[in-house]
Amino acid sequence: MSQLLKLYLFAYNSLQAFGWTVSLVRILTCFIATNSVNGAYASAGDLICLLQTCAFLEVVHGAIGIVPSGVLFPLMQWSGRTHFLLAIVRQIHEVQEVPAVFITFFAWSLTEVIRYSHYALNIFGNCPFWLTYLRYTTFIMLYPMGLAPGEMWLMYQALQFIKEKNLYGDFFANLPFSYYNSVTVVLLIYPFLWLNLYLHLFKQRRSKLGKHHKKKN
């Protein structure tokens, strides 16, 4: 990998790590100041939407081969999160203050601070083992937290508003199903798609942490 490409990847991952750190600080500061979880979207929603939209670059990185992640898993994660954020949470003001937003944003932000910091430092081989360990361990708790009481619970709560508002009705007018039906189907298959990604992360964990233990031995 050329030095210029390394600098680009370092800059991208560093900026993402910084952005998610800011979002995490905003969420926690709002929680401490108000003693309420209702202000998570107001405090960090716009920033998280921006960071998540920019993360499409990771799909591009995998597609052109400058990182070894491939396309499938980055695309699955990006599309799931982006749909949740931009199509549902951003468009339905009634769900922006529910606890599920706080849970999701907290889990995402903490995960991404660790993940992007690990990627940035690893580009030049300067990543300490404790950060690598966190990268391939904290997801065990944070991913299920972001999924069940976070994303899925919020989408379920949003269904009534999707139906009442006939959300994206014009777009789905010529289709044999509505957006409400689409989200219902997504809720049914979401755990299975998520489980595929979750198991993939466990494979990565065995690979990355196993290599370290072999080196020590």
N, C-alpha and C. Protein backbone atom coordinates (compact mmCIF):
# COMPACT_ATOMS: atom_id res chain seq x y z
N MET A 1 0.84 -1.19 0.00
CA MET A 1 0.00 0.00 0.00
C MET A 1 0.88 1.25 0.00
N SER A 2 0.57 2.19 -0.87
CA SER A 2 1.38 3.40 -0.98
C SER A 2 1.22 4.27 0.25
N GLN A 3 2.21 5.13 0.47
CA GLN A 3 2.17 6.03 1.61
C GLN A 3 0.99 7.00 1.54
N LEU A 4 0.68 7.44 0.33
CA LEU A 4 -0.43 8.38 0.14
C LEU A 4 -1.76 7.72 0.52
N LEU A 5 -1.91 6.47 0.12
CA LEU A 5 -3.14 5.74 0.45
C LEU A 5 -3.25 5.51 1.95
N LYS A 6 -2.13 5.22 2.59
CA LYS A 6 -2.12 5.06 4.04
C LYS A 6 -2.52 6.35 4.74
N LEU A 7 -2.03 7.46 4.24
CA LEU A 7 -2.37 8.76 4.83
C LEU A 7 -3.86 9.05 4.68
N TYR A 8 -4.41 8.69 3.51
CA TYR A 8 -5.84 8.90 3.28
C TYR A 8 -6.67 8.07 4.26
N LEU A 9 -6.34 6.78 4.40
CA LEU A 9 -7.08 5.91 5.29
C LEU A 9 -6.93 6.35 6.75
N PHE A 10 -5.73 6.80 7.10
CA PHE A 10 -5.50 7.30 8.46
C PHE A 10 -6.36 8.54 8.72
N ALA A 11 -6.40 9.44 7.75
CA ALA A 11 -7.20 10.67 7.89
C ALA A 11 -8.69 10.33 7.99
N TYR A 12 -9.16 9.44 7.13
CA TYR A 12 -10.58 9.07 7.15
C TYR A 12 -10.97 8.46 8.49
N ASN A 13 -10.21 7.48 8.94
CA ASN A 13 -10.55 6.80 10.19
C ASN A 13 -10.38 7.70 11.40
N SER A 14 -9.40 8.59 11.36
CA SER A 14 -9.21 9.53 12.46
C SER A 14 -10.37 10.51 12.56
N LEU A 15 -10.83 11.01 11.41
CA LEU A 15 -11.95 11.94 11.41
C LEU A 15 -13.23 11.25 11.90
N GLN A 16 -13.44 10.01 11.48
CA GLN A 16 -14.60 9.26 11.96
C GLN A 16 -14.50 9.04 13.47
N ALA A 17 -13.32 8.66 13.95
CA ALA A 17 -13.14 8.45 15.39
C ALA A 17 -13.42 9.74 16.16
N PHE A 18 -12.93 10.86 15.64
CA PHE A 18 -13.17 12.14 16.29
C PHE A 18 -14.67 12.48 16.29
N GLY A 19 -15.32 12.29 15.15
CA GLY A 19 -16.74 12.60 15.03
C GLY A 19 -17.59 11.77 15.99
N TRP A 20 -17.31 10.48 16.08
CA TRP A 20 -18.08 9.61 16.98
C TRP A 20 -17.76 9.91 18.44
N THR A 21 -16.54 10.37 18.72
CA THR A 21 -16.21 10.79 20.08
C THR A 21 -17.03 12.01 20.47
N VAL A 22 -17.13 12.96 19.54
CA VAL A 22 -17.95 14.16 19.79
C VAL A 22 -19.40 13.77 20.03
N SER A 23 -19.92 12.84 19.21
CA SER A 23 -21.32 12.42 19.38
C SER A 23 -21.52 11.74 20.73
N LEU A 24 -20.58 10.91 21.14
CA LEU A 24 -20.68 10.23 22.43
C LEU A 24 -20.67 11.23 23.59
N VAL A 25 -19.77 12.21 23.50
CA VAL A 25 -19.69 13.25 24.54
C VAL A 25 -20.99 14.05 24.59
N ARG A 26 -21.53 14.40 23.43
CA ARG A 26 -22.78 15.16 23.39
C ARG A 26 -23.93 14.38 24.02
N ILE A 27 -24.03 13.09 23.69
CA ILE A 27 -25.11 12.25 24.22
C ILE A 27 -25.02 12.15 25.74
N LEU A 28 -23.81 11.87 26.24
CA LEU A 28 -23.63 11.70 27.68
C LEU A 28 -23.77 13.02 28.42
N THR A 29 -23.28 14.12 27.83
CA THR A 29 -23.42 15.44 28.45
C THR A 29 -24.89 15.81 28.58
N CYS A 30 -25.65 15.57 27.53
CA CYS A 30 -27.09 15.85 27.56
C CYS A 30 -27.79 14.99 28.62
N PHE A 31 -27.41 13.74 28.70
CA PHE A 31 -28.01 12.83 29.69
C PHE A 31 -27.72 13.30 31.11
N ILE A 32 -26.47 13.69 31.37
CA ILE A 32 -26.09 14.13 32.71
C ILE A 32 -26.78 15.46 33.06
N ALA A 33 -26.83 16.36 32.08
CA ALA A 33 -27.41 17.69 32.33
C ALA A 33 -28.91 17.64 32.56
N THR A 34 -29.61 16.75 31.87
CA THR A 34 -31.08 16.70 31.94
C THR A 34 -31.60 15.54 32.76
N ASN A 35 -30.70 14.59 33.09
CA ASN A 35 -31.11 13.36 33.77
C ASN A 35 -32.22 12.65 33.00
N SER A 36 -32.09 12.72 31.66
CA SER A 36 -33.09 12.12 30.78
C SER A 36 -32.41 11.60 29.53
N VAL A 37 -32.99 10.53 28.96
CA VAL A 37 -32.45 9.97 27.73
C VAL A 37 -33.14 10.54 26.50
N ASN A 38 -34.07 11.46 26.70
CA ASN A 38 -34.90 11.93 25.60
C ASN A 38 -34.19 12.87 24.62
N GLY A 39 -33.04 13.42 25.02
CA GLY A 39 -32.39 14.42 24.17
C GLY A 39 -31.28 13.89 23.29
N ALA A 40 -31.18 12.57 23.15
CA ALA A 40 -30.07 11.99 22.39
C ALA A 40 -30.08 12.45 20.94
N TYR A 41 -31.23 12.41 20.29
CA TYR A 41 -31.27 12.81 18.88
C TYR A 41 -31.02 14.30 18.72
N ALA A 42 -31.61 15.12 19.59
CA ALA A 42 -31.42 16.56 19.50
C ALA A 42 -29.96 16.95 19.70
N SER A 43 -29.25 16.21 20.54
CA SER A 43 -27.86 16.56 20.86
C SER A 43 -26.87 16.05 19.83
N ALA A 44 -27.15 14.92 19.20
CA ALA A 44 -26.15 14.32 18.31
C ALA A 44 -26.70 13.75 17.02
N GLY A 45 -28.00 13.86 16.80
CA GLY A 45 -28.62 13.21 15.64
C GLY A 45 -28.07 13.67 14.31
N ASP A 46 -27.95 14.97 14.10
CA ASP A 46 -27.46 15.48 12.82
C ASP A 46 -26.03 15.02 12.55
N LEU A 47 -25.19 15.05 13.58
CA LEU A 47 -23.80 14.63 13.42
C LEU A 47 -23.73 13.14 13.09
N ILE A 48 -24.51 12.33 13.78
CA ILE A 48 -24.49 10.89 13.54
C ILE A 48 -25.00 10.57 12.13
N CYS A 49 -26.02 11.30 11.68
CA CYS A 49 -26.51 11.11 10.31
C CYS A 49 -25.41 11.40 9.30
N LEU A 50 -24.64 12.46 9.54
CA LEU A 50 -23.54 12.82 8.64
C LEU A 50 -22.46 11.75 8.65
N LEU A 51 -22.06 11.32 9.84
CA LEU A 51 -20.99 10.32 9.96
C LEU A 51 -21.40 9.01 9.29
N GLN A 52 -22.65 8.61 9.50
CA GLN A 52 -23.12 7.36 8.93
C GLN A 52 -23.24 7.44 7.42
N THR A 53 -23.65 8.58 6.89
CA THR A 53 -23.72 8.75 5.44
C THR A 53 -22.33 8.66 4.83
N CYS A 54 -21.36 9.32 5.46
CA CYS A 54 -19.97 9.29 4.97
C CYS A 54 -19.37 7.89 5.03
N ALA A 55 -19.91 7.04 5.91
CA ALA A 55 -19.37 5.69 6.05
C ALA A 55 -19.58 4.84 4.80
N PHE A 56 -20.36 5.34 3.83
CA PHE A 56 -20.49 4.61 2.56
C PHE A 56 -19.12 4.45 1.88
N LEU A 57 -18.20 5.33 2.22
CA LEU A 57 -16.85 5.21 1.68
C LEU A 57 -16.22 3.87 2.03
N GLU A 58 -16.63 3.28 3.15
CA GLU A 58 -16.08 1.98 3.54
C GLU A 58 -16.54 0.87 2.60
N VAL A 59 -17.73 1.01 2.07
CA VAL A 59 -18.20 0.07 1.05
C VAL A 59 -17.35 0.23 -0.20
N VAL A 60 -17.06 1.47 -0.56
CA VAL A 60 -16.21 1.75 -1.72
C VAL A 60 -14.80 1.22 -1.49
N HIS A 61 -14.27 1.44 -0.30
CA HIS A 61 -12.92 0.94 0.03
C HIS A 61 -12.83 -0.57 -0.19
N GLY A 62 -13.86 -1.29 0.29
CA GLY A 62 -13.86 -2.74 0.12
C GLY A 62 -14.03 -3.15 -1.33
N ALA A 63 -14.85 -2.39 -2.06
CA ALA A 63 -15.13 -2.72 -3.47
C ALA A 63 -13.89 -2.58 -4.34
N ILE A 64 -13.08 -1.56 -4.08
CA ILE A 64 -11.89 -1.32 -4.91
C ILE A 64 -10.64 -1.99 -4.34
N GLY A 65 -10.79 -2.64 -3.18
CA GLY A 65 -9.72 -3.46 -2.66
C GLY A 65 -8.64 -2.76 -1.86
N ILE A 66 -8.89 -1.55 -1.39
CA ILE A 66 -7.83 -0.88 -0.61
C ILE A 66 -7.89 -1.30 0.86
N VAL A 67 -8.97 -1.98 1.26
CA VAL A 67 -9.04 -2.64 2.56
C VAL A 67 -9.57 -4.05 2.33
N PRO A 68 -9.24 -5.00 3.21
CA PRO A 68 -9.60 -6.40 2.96
C PRO A 68 -11.00 -6.78 3.41
N SER A 69 -11.86 -5.84 3.72
CA SER A 69 -13.17 -6.15 4.29
C SER A 69 -14.16 -6.71 3.28
N GLY A 70 -13.90 -6.49 1.98
CA GLY A 70 -14.87 -6.88 0.98
C GLY A 70 -16.04 -5.90 0.92
N VAL A 71 -17.11 -6.29 0.25
CA VAL A 71 -18.25 -5.39 0.06
C VAL A 71 -19.46 -5.80 0.89
N LEU A 72 -19.74 -7.09 1.02
CA LEU A 72 -21.00 -7.56 1.58
C LEU A 72 -21.26 -7.07 2.99
N PHE A 73 -20.34 -7.32 3.93
CA PHE A 73 -20.60 -6.98 5.32
C PHE A 73 -20.61 -5.47 5.57
N PRO A 74 -19.68 -4.70 4.97
CA PRO A 74 -19.79 -3.24 5.11
C PRO A 74 -21.10 -2.70 4.52
N LEU A 75 -21.55 -3.27 3.40
CA LEU A 75 -22.80 -2.81 2.78
C LEU A 75 -24.01 -3.16 3.65
N MET A 76 -24.01 -4.35 4.23
CA MET A 76 -25.11 -4.75 5.11
C MET A 76 -25.23 -3.81 6.30
N GLN A 77 -24.09 -3.53 6.93
CA GLN A 77 -24.11 -2.66 8.10
C GLN A 77 -24.49 -1.23 7.73
N TRP A 78 -23.90 -0.73 6.64
CA TRP A 78 -24.18 0.65 6.24
C TRP A 78 -25.64 0.83 5.84
N SER A 79 -26.17 -0.07 5.04
CA SER A 79 -27.54 0.08 4.57
C SER A 79 -28.54 -0.05 5.71
N GLY A 80 -28.30 -0.98 6.64
CA GLY A 80 -29.20 -1.14 7.77
C GLY A 80 -29.24 0.09 8.66
N ARG A 81 -28.08 0.59 8.99
CA ARG A 81 -28.01 1.78 9.85
C ARG A 81 -28.55 3.02 9.14
N THR A 82 -28.21 3.18 7.87
CA THR A 82 -28.62 4.37 7.14
C THR A 82 -30.13 4.41 6.96
N HIS A 83 -30.72 3.27 6.66
CA HIS A 83 -32.18 3.20 6.56
C HIS A 83 -32.82 3.56 7.90
N PHE A 84 -32.30 2.99 8.97
CA PHE A 84 -32.82 3.27 10.31
C PHE A 84 -32.76 4.76 10.62
N LEU A 85 -31.62 5.37 10.32
CA LEU A 85 -31.41 6.78 10.65
C LEU A 85 -32.18 7.73 9.76
N LEU A 86 -31.93 7.64 8.45
CA LEU A 86 -32.43 8.65 7.53
C LEU A 86 -33.87 8.42 7.11
N ALA A 87 -34.28 7.17 6.97
CA ALA A 87 -35.63 6.89 6.50
C ALA A 87 -36.65 6.88 7.63
N ILE A 88 -36.21 6.52 8.84
CA ILE A 88 -37.16 6.40 9.95
C ILE A 88 -36.96 7.49 11.00
N VAL A 89 -35.85 7.45 11.71
CA VAL A 89 -35.67 8.36 12.85
C VAL A 89 -35.70 9.82 12.42
N ARG A 90 -34.99 10.14 11.34
CA ARG A 90 -34.93 11.54 10.91
C ARG A 90 -36.28 12.05 10.39
N GLN A 91 -37.10 11.16 9.86
CA GLN A 91 -38.36 11.57 9.24
C GLN A 91 -39.55 11.54 10.20
N ILE A 92 -39.43 10.80 11.29
CA ILE A 92 -40.56 10.66 12.21
C ILE A 92 -40.20 11.32 13.54
N HIS A 93 -40.61 12.54 13.72
CA HIS A 93 -40.23 13.31 14.90
C HIS A 93 -40.78 12.68 16.18
N GLU A 94 -41.88 11.96 16.07
CA GLU A 94 -42.50 11.37 17.26
C GLU A 94 -41.62 10.32 17.94
N VAL A 95 -40.67 9.74 17.22
CA VAL A 95 -39.83 8.69 17.83
C VAL A 95 -38.44 9.21 18.21
N GLN A 96 -38.17 10.46 17.96
CA GLN A 96 -36.82 10.97 18.19
C GLN A 96 -36.45 11.10 19.66
N GLU A 97 -37.45 11.09 20.54
CA GLU A 97 -37.16 11.22 21.96
C GLU A 97 -37.40 9.94 22.75
N VAL A 98 -37.61 8.83 22.07
CA VAL A 98 -37.84 7.58 22.80
C VAL A 98 -36.49 7.02 23.29
N PRO A 99 -36.50 6.26 24.39
CA PRO A 99 -35.24 5.73 24.94
C PRO A 99 -34.43 4.89 23.96
N ALA A 100 -35.10 4.25 22.99
CA ALA A 100 -34.40 3.40 22.03
C ALA A 100 -33.37 4.19 21.22
N VAL A 101 -33.62 5.48 21.00
CA VAL A 101 -32.65 6.31 20.27
C VAL A 101 -31.38 6.48 21.10
N PHE A 102 -31.54 6.76 22.38
CA PHE A 102 -30.39 6.89 23.27
C PHE A 102 -29.59 5.59 23.31
N ILE A 103 -30.28 4.48 23.47
CA ILE A 103 -29.60 3.18 23.54
C ILE A 103 -28.81 2.91 22.26
N THR A 104 -29.46 3.14 21.12
CA THR A 104 -28.81 2.91 19.83
C THR A 104 -27.61 3.82 19.64
N PHE A 105 -27.80 5.11 19.87
CA PHE A 105 -26.72 6.08 19.66
C PHE A 105 -25.55 5.83 20.60
N PHE A 106 -25.84 5.47 21.84
CA PHE A 106 -24.76 5.18 22.78
C PHE A 106 -23.96 3.96 22.33
N ALA A 107 -24.67 2.88 21.97
CA ALA A 107 -23.99 1.65 21.53
C ALA A 107 -23.18 1.90 20.26
N TRP A 108 -23.77 2.60 19.29
CA TRP A 108 -23.05 2.91 18.05
C TRP A 108 -21.83 3.76 18.32
N SER A 109 -22.00 4.83 19.08
CA SER A 109 -20.92 5.79 19.29
C SER A 109 -19.72 5.14 19.99
N LEU A 110 -19.98 4.40 21.06
CA LEU A 110 -18.89 3.74 21.77
C LEU A 110 -18.19 2.72 20.88
N THR A 111 -18.99 1.95 20.13
CA THR A 111 -18.42 0.97 19.21
C THR A 111 -17.52 1.64 18.18
N GLU A 112 -17.99 2.74 17.61
CA GLU A 112 -17.26 3.37 16.52
C GLU A 112 -16.03 4.14 16.99
N VAL A 113 -16.07 4.70 18.18
CA VAL A 113 -14.87 5.34 18.74
C VAL A 113 -13.74 4.31 18.82
N ILE A 114 -14.07 3.13 19.31
CA ILE A 114 -13.06 2.07 19.44
C ILE A 114 -12.65 1.56 18.07
N ARG A 115 -13.62 1.29 17.20
CA ARG A 115 -13.34 0.69 15.89
C ARG A 115 -12.48 1.60 15.02
N TYR A 116 -12.87 2.86 14.90
CA TYR A 116 -12.11 3.75 14.03
C TYR A 116 -10.75 4.11 14.60
N SER A 117 -10.65 4.20 15.92
CA SER A 117 -9.34 4.45 16.54
C SER A 117 -8.40 3.28 16.26
N HIS A 118 -8.95 2.08 16.36
CA HIS A 118 -8.16 0.88 16.07
C HIS A 118 -7.69 0.87 14.62
N TYR A 119 -8.60 1.16 13.69
CA TYR A 119 -8.24 1.19 12.28
C TYR A 119 -7.17 2.23 11.99
N ALA A 120 -7.34 3.43 12.55
CA ALA A 120 -6.40 4.52 12.29
C ALA A 120 -5.00 4.17 12.76
N LEU A 121 -4.88 3.66 13.99
CA LEU A 121 -3.57 3.35 14.55
C LEU A 121 -2.95 2.11 13.90
N ASN A 122 -3.80 1.21 13.43
CA ASN A 122 -3.30 -0.03 12.84
C ASN A 122 -2.71 0.17 11.45
N ILE A 123 -3.06 1.27 10.80
CA ILE A 123 -2.56 1.53 9.45
C ILE A 123 -1.05 1.63 9.43
N PHE A 124 -0.49 2.22 10.48
CA PHE A 124 0.97 2.36 10.56
C PHE A 124 1.58 1.39 11.57
N GLY A 125 0.79 0.41 12.00
CA GLY A 125 1.29 -0.63 12.89
C GLY A 125 1.55 -0.18 14.31
N ASN A 126 0.85 0.89 14.74
CA ASN A 126 1.09 1.43 16.08
C ASN A 126 -0.07 1.20 17.04
N CYS A 127 -0.91 0.24 16.75
CA CYS A 127 -2.09 0.01 17.58
C CYS A 127 -1.73 -0.86 18.79
N PRO A 128 -1.97 -0.37 20.00
CA PRO A 128 -1.69 -1.20 21.19
C PRO A 128 -2.65 -2.37 21.29
N PHE A 129 -2.20 -3.43 21.94
CA PHE A 129 -3.03 -4.63 22.02
C PHE A 129 -4.33 -4.38 22.76
N TRP A 130 -4.31 -3.54 23.80
CA TRP A 130 -5.53 -3.32 24.58
C TRP A 130 -6.64 -2.74 23.71
N LEU A 131 -6.26 -1.91 22.71
CA LEU A 131 -7.28 -1.35 21.82
C LEU A 131 -7.78 -2.41 20.85
N THR A 132 -6.88 -3.27 20.38
CA THR A 132 -7.29 -4.39 19.53
C THR A 132 -8.23 -5.31 20.29
N TYR A 133 -7.91 -5.54 21.56
CA TYR A 133 -8.78 -6.40 22.38
C TYR A 133 -10.17 -5.78 22.54
N LEU A 134 -10.21 -4.48 22.80
CA LEU A 134 -11.49 -3.80 22.91
C LEU A 134 -12.27 -3.87 21.60
N ARG A 135 -11.55 -3.67 20.50
CA ARG A 135 -12.19 -3.68 19.17
C ARG A 135 -12.89 -5.00 18.92
N TYR A 136 -12.26 -6.10 19.33
CA TYR A 136 -12.82 -7.42 19.03
C TYR A 136 -13.47 -8.09 20.25
N THR A 137 -13.84 -7.28 21.26
CA THR A 137 -14.51 -7.81 22.44
C THR A 137 -15.76 -7.03 22.81
N THR A 138 -15.70 -5.70 22.76
CA THR A 138 -16.83 -4.89 23.20
C THR A 138 -18.07 -5.09 22.33
N PHE A 139 -17.88 -5.52 21.08
CA PHE A 139 -19.04 -5.74 20.20
C PHE A 139 -19.95 -6.83 20.75
N ILE A 140 -19.39 -7.75 21.55
CA ILE A 140 -20.17 -8.86 22.09
C ILE A 140 -21.37 -8.34 22.88
N MET A 141 -21.16 -7.24 23.61
CA MET A 141 -22.24 -6.64 24.38
C MET A 141 -22.93 -5.50 23.62
N LEU A 142 -22.14 -4.67 22.94
CA LEU A 142 -22.69 -3.45 22.34
C LEU A 142 -23.56 -3.73 21.11
N TYR A 143 -23.22 -4.73 20.31
CA TYR A 143 -24.02 -5.01 19.12
C TYR A 143 -25.43 -5.47 19.46
N PRO A 144 -25.60 -6.45 20.40
CA PRO A 144 -26.97 -6.82 20.78
C PRO A 144 -27.72 -5.67 21.44
N MET A 145 -27.01 -4.84 22.21
CA MET A 145 -27.64 -3.68 22.85
C MET A 145 -28.20 -2.73 21.80
N GLY A 146 -27.43 -2.46 20.77
CA GLY A 146 -27.89 -1.56 19.72
C GLY A 146 -29.00 -2.16 18.89
N LEU A 147 -29.05 -3.49 18.81
CA LEU A 147 -30.06 -4.14 17.96
C LEU A 147 -31.44 -4.24 18.61
N ALA A 148 -31.54 -5.02 19.70
CA ALA A 148 -32.87 -5.35 20.24
C ALA A 148 -33.56 -4.17 20.95
N PRO A 149 -32.98 -3.65 22.05
CA PRO A 149 -33.65 -2.52 22.71
C PRO A 149 -33.44 -1.21 21.97
N GLY A 150 -32.59 -1.23 20.94
CA GLY A 150 -32.31 -0.03 20.18
C GLY A 150 -33.05 0.00 18.85
N GLU A 151 -32.40 -0.47 17.80
CA GLU A 151 -32.94 -0.36 16.44
C GLU A 151 -34.30 -1.05 16.26
N MET A 152 -34.39 -2.30 16.67
CA MET A 152 -35.63 -3.05 16.42
C MET A 152 -36.81 -2.49 17.22
N TRP A 153 -36.57 -2.14 18.48
CA TRP A 153 -37.65 -1.61 19.29
C TRP A 153 -38.13 -0.27 18.75
N LEU A 154 -37.21 0.56 18.27
CA LEU A 154 -37.61 1.84 17.71
C LEU A 154 -38.40 1.65 16.41
N MET A 155 -37.95 0.74 15.55
CA MET A 155 -38.69 0.49 14.31
C MET A 155 -40.10 -0.01 14.60
N TYR A 156 -40.21 -0.85 15.62
CA TYR A 156 -41.54 -1.34 16.01
C TYR A 156 -42.41 -0.18 16.49
N GLN A 157 -41.85 0.71 17.29
CA GLN A 157 -42.60 1.88 17.77
C GLN A 157 -42.97 2.82 16.63
N ALA A 158 -42.13 2.85 15.60
CA ALA A 158 -42.37 3.75 14.47
C ALA A 158 -43.47 3.27 13.54
N LEU A 159 -43.82 1.99 13.60
CA LEU A 159 -44.78 1.42 12.65
C LEU A 159 -46.12 2.18 12.65
N GLN A 160 -46.60 2.53 13.83
CA GLN A 160 -47.90 3.22 13.87
C GLN A 160 -47.85 4.57 13.18
N PHE A 161 -46.72 5.27 13.30
CA PHE A 161 -46.59 6.58 12.66
C PHE A 161 -46.36 6.44 11.16
N ILE A 162 -45.67 5.38 10.76
CA ILE A 162 -45.49 5.10 9.34
C ILE A 162 -46.84 4.89 8.68
N LYS A 163 -47.71 4.15 9.38
CA LYS A 163 -49.05 3.87 8.84
C LYS A 163 -49.92 5.12 8.84
N GLU A 164 -49.90 5.87 9.94
CA GLU A 164 -50.72 7.08 10.05
C GLU A 164 -50.34 8.13 9.01
N LYS A 165 -49.03 8.29 8.80
CA LYS A 165 -48.55 9.32 7.89
C LYS A 165 -48.49 8.84 6.44
N ASN A 166 -48.72 7.53 6.24
CA ASN A 166 -48.54 6.92 4.92
C ASN A 166 -47.17 7.32 4.37
N LEU A 167 -46.16 7.09 5.19
CA LEU A 167 -44.79 7.51 4.89
C LEU A 167 -44.31 6.90 3.56
N TYR A 168 -43.77 7.75 2.71
CA TYR A 168 -43.27 7.36 1.37
C TYR A 168 -44.38 6.75 0.52
N GLY A 169 -45.61 7.18 0.77
CA GLY A 169 -46.76 6.65 0.04
C GLY A 169 -46.66 6.88 -1.46
N ASP A 170 -46.16 8.03 -1.88
CA ASP A 170 -46.03 8.33 -3.31
C ASP A 170 -45.05 7.37 -3.98
N PHE A 171 -43.95 7.10 -3.29
CA PHE A 171 -42.93 6.22 -3.86
C PHE A 171 -43.46 4.79 -4.02
N PHE A 172 -44.23 4.34 -3.03
CA PHE A 172 -44.72 2.96 -3.04
C PHE A 172 -46.08 2.82 -3.72
N ALA A 173 -46.61 3.93 -4.27
CA ALA A 173 -47.96 3.92 -4.84
C ALA A 173 -48.12 2.89 -5.95
N ASN A 174 -47.11 2.70 -6.77
CA ASN A 174 -47.19 1.77 -7.90
C ASN A 174 -46.62 0.40 -7.59
N LEU A 175 -46.35 0.17 -6.31
CA LEU A 175 -45.83 -1.14 -5.90
C LEU A 175 -46.92 -1.92 -5.18
N PRO A 176 -46.83 -3.24 -5.18
CA PRO A 176 -47.90 -4.05 -4.55
C PRO A 176 -47.79 -4.11 -3.03
N PHE A 177 -46.92 -3.33 -2.44
CA PHE A 177 -46.77 -3.31 -0.99
C PHE A 177 -46.44 -1.89 -0.55
N SER A 178 -46.67 -1.61 0.72
CA SER A 178 -46.43 -0.28 1.27
C SER A 178 -45.12 -0.25 2.03
N TYR A 179 -44.69 0.96 2.41
CA TYR A 179 -43.48 1.08 3.22
C TYR A 179 -43.71 0.45 4.59
N TYR A 180 -44.93 0.57 5.10
CA TYR A 180 -45.29 -0.08 6.37
C TYR A 180 -45.03 -1.58 6.29
N ASN A 181 -45.47 -2.20 5.22
CA ASN A 181 -45.25 -3.64 5.04
C ASN A 181 -43.76 -3.96 4.89
N SER A 182 -43.04 -3.07 4.22
CA SER A 182 -41.61 -3.28 4.03
C SER A 182 -40.87 -3.28 5.36
N VAL A 183 -41.19 -2.31 6.22
CA VAL A 183 -40.54 -2.23 7.53
C VAL A 183 -40.92 -3.43 8.39
N THR A 184 -42.16 -3.88 8.27
CA THR A 184 -42.59 -5.08 9.00
C THR A 184 -41.77 -6.29 8.59
N VAL A 185 -41.54 -6.44 7.30
CA VAL A 185 -40.71 -7.55 6.81
C VAL A 185 -39.27 -7.39 7.28
N VAL A 186 -38.76 -6.16 7.23
CA VAL A 186 -37.39 -5.90 7.70
C VAL A 186 -37.25 -6.31 9.16
N LEU A 187 -38.26 -5.98 9.98
CA LEU A 187 -38.22 -6.36 11.39
C LEU A 187 -38.16 -7.87 11.57
N LEU A 188 -38.84 -8.61 10.69
CA LEU A 188 -38.86 -10.06 10.79
C LEU A 188 -37.53 -10.69 10.39
N ILE A 189 -36.89 -10.12 9.37
CA ILE A 189 -35.64 -10.73 8.88
C ILE A 189 -34.39 -10.09 9.50
N TYR A 190 -34.57 -8.94 10.14
CA TYR A 190 -33.42 -8.20 10.70
C TYR A 190 -32.55 -9.06 11.62
N PRO A 191 -33.14 -9.82 12.56
CA PRO A 191 -32.28 -10.62 13.45
C PRO A 191 -31.42 -11.63 12.70
N PHE A 192 -31.93 -12.18 11.60
CA PHE A 192 -31.18 -13.19 10.86
C PHE A 192 -30.02 -12.55 10.08
N LEU A 193 -30.29 -11.38 9.49
CA LEU A 193 -29.22 -10.65 8.81
C LEU A 193 -28.17 -10.20 9.80
N TRP A 194 -28.64 -9.71 10.95
CA TRP A 194 -27.72 -9.25 11.99
C TRP A 194 -26.89 -10.40 12.54
N LEU A 195 -27.49 -11.57 12.71
CA LEU A 195 -26.77 -12.72 13.25
C LEU A 195 -25.62 -13.11 12.33
N ASN A 196 -25.82 -12.99 11.03
CA ASN A 196 -24.76 -13.29 10.07
C ASN A 196 -23.56 -12.38 10.30
N LEU A 197 -23.83 -11.09 10.48
CA LEU A 197 -22.76 -10.13 10.75
C LEU A 197 -22.13 -10.39 12.12
N TYR A 198 -22.92 -10.70 13.10
CA TYR A 198 -22.44 -10.94 14.46
C TYR A 198 -21.49 -12.15 14.49
N LEU A 199 -21.87 -13.23 13.82
CA LEU A 199 -21.02 -14.42 13.76
C LEU A 199 -19.74 -14.14 12.99
N HIS A 200 -19.84 -13.29 11.96
CA HIS A 200 -18.65 -12.89 11.20
C HIS A 200 -17.66 -12.17 12.11
N LEU A 201 -18.17 -11.34 13.01
CA LEU A 201 -17.29 -10.62 13.94
C LEU A 201 -16.61 -11.58 14.91
N PHE A 202 -17.29 -12.63 15.30
CA PHE A 202 -16.66 -13.63 16.16
C PHE A 202 -15.52 -14.35 15.43
N LYS A 203 -15.72 -14.59 14.14
CA LYS A 203 -14.64 -15.19 13.34
C LYS A 203 -13.43 -14.26 13.29
N GLN A 204 -13.71 -12.98 13.09
CA GLN A 204 -12.63 -11.99 13.09
C GLN A 204 -11.93 -11.96 14.44
N ARG A 205 -12.70 -12.06 15.51
CA ARG A 205 -12.12 -12.02 16.85
C ARG A 205 -11.15 -13.18 17.06
N ARG A 206 -11.56 -14.38 16.67
CA ARG A 206 -10.68 -15.54 16.81
C ARG A 206 -9.42 -15.37 15.99
N SER A 207 -9.59 -14.80 14.79
CA SER A 207 -8.45 -14.61 13.91
C SER A 207 -7.47 -13.57 14.46
N LYS A 208 -7.99 -12.40 14.86
CA LYS A 208 -7.13 -11.30 15.29
C LYS A 208 -6.50 -11.56 16.66
N LEU A 209 -7.30 -11.98 17.63
CA LEU A 209 -6.76 -12.20 18.97
C LEU A 209 -5.97 -13.50 19.04
N GLY A 210 -6.35 -14.48 18.20
CA GLY A 210 -5.59 -15.73 18.15
C GLY A 210 -4.17 -15.52 17.66
N LYS A 211 -4.02 -14.64 16.67
CA LYS A 211 -2.67 -14.33 16.15
C LYS A 211 -1.80 -13.74 17.24
N HIS A 212 -2.37 -12.86 18.07
CA HIS A 212 -1.59 -12.23 19.14
C HIS A 212 -1.12 -13.28 20.15
N HIS A 213 -2.01 -14.20 20.51
CA HIS A 213 -1.63 -15.23 21.49
C HIS A 213 -0.56 -16.15 20.92
N LYS A 214 -0.63 -16.43 19.61
CA LYS A 214 0.39 -17.27 18.98
C LYS A 214 1.75 -16.59 19.00
N LYS A 215 1.75 -15.27 18.75
CA LYS A 215 3.01 -14.51 18.76
C LYS A 215 3.64 -14.53 20.15
N LYS A 216 2.77 -14.42 21.21
CA LYS A 216 3.27 -14.42 22.57
C LYS A 216 3.88 -15.78 22.93
N ASN A 217 3.27 -16.85 22.39
CA ASN A 217 3.79 -18.19 22.67
C ASN A 217 5.03 -18.47 21.84
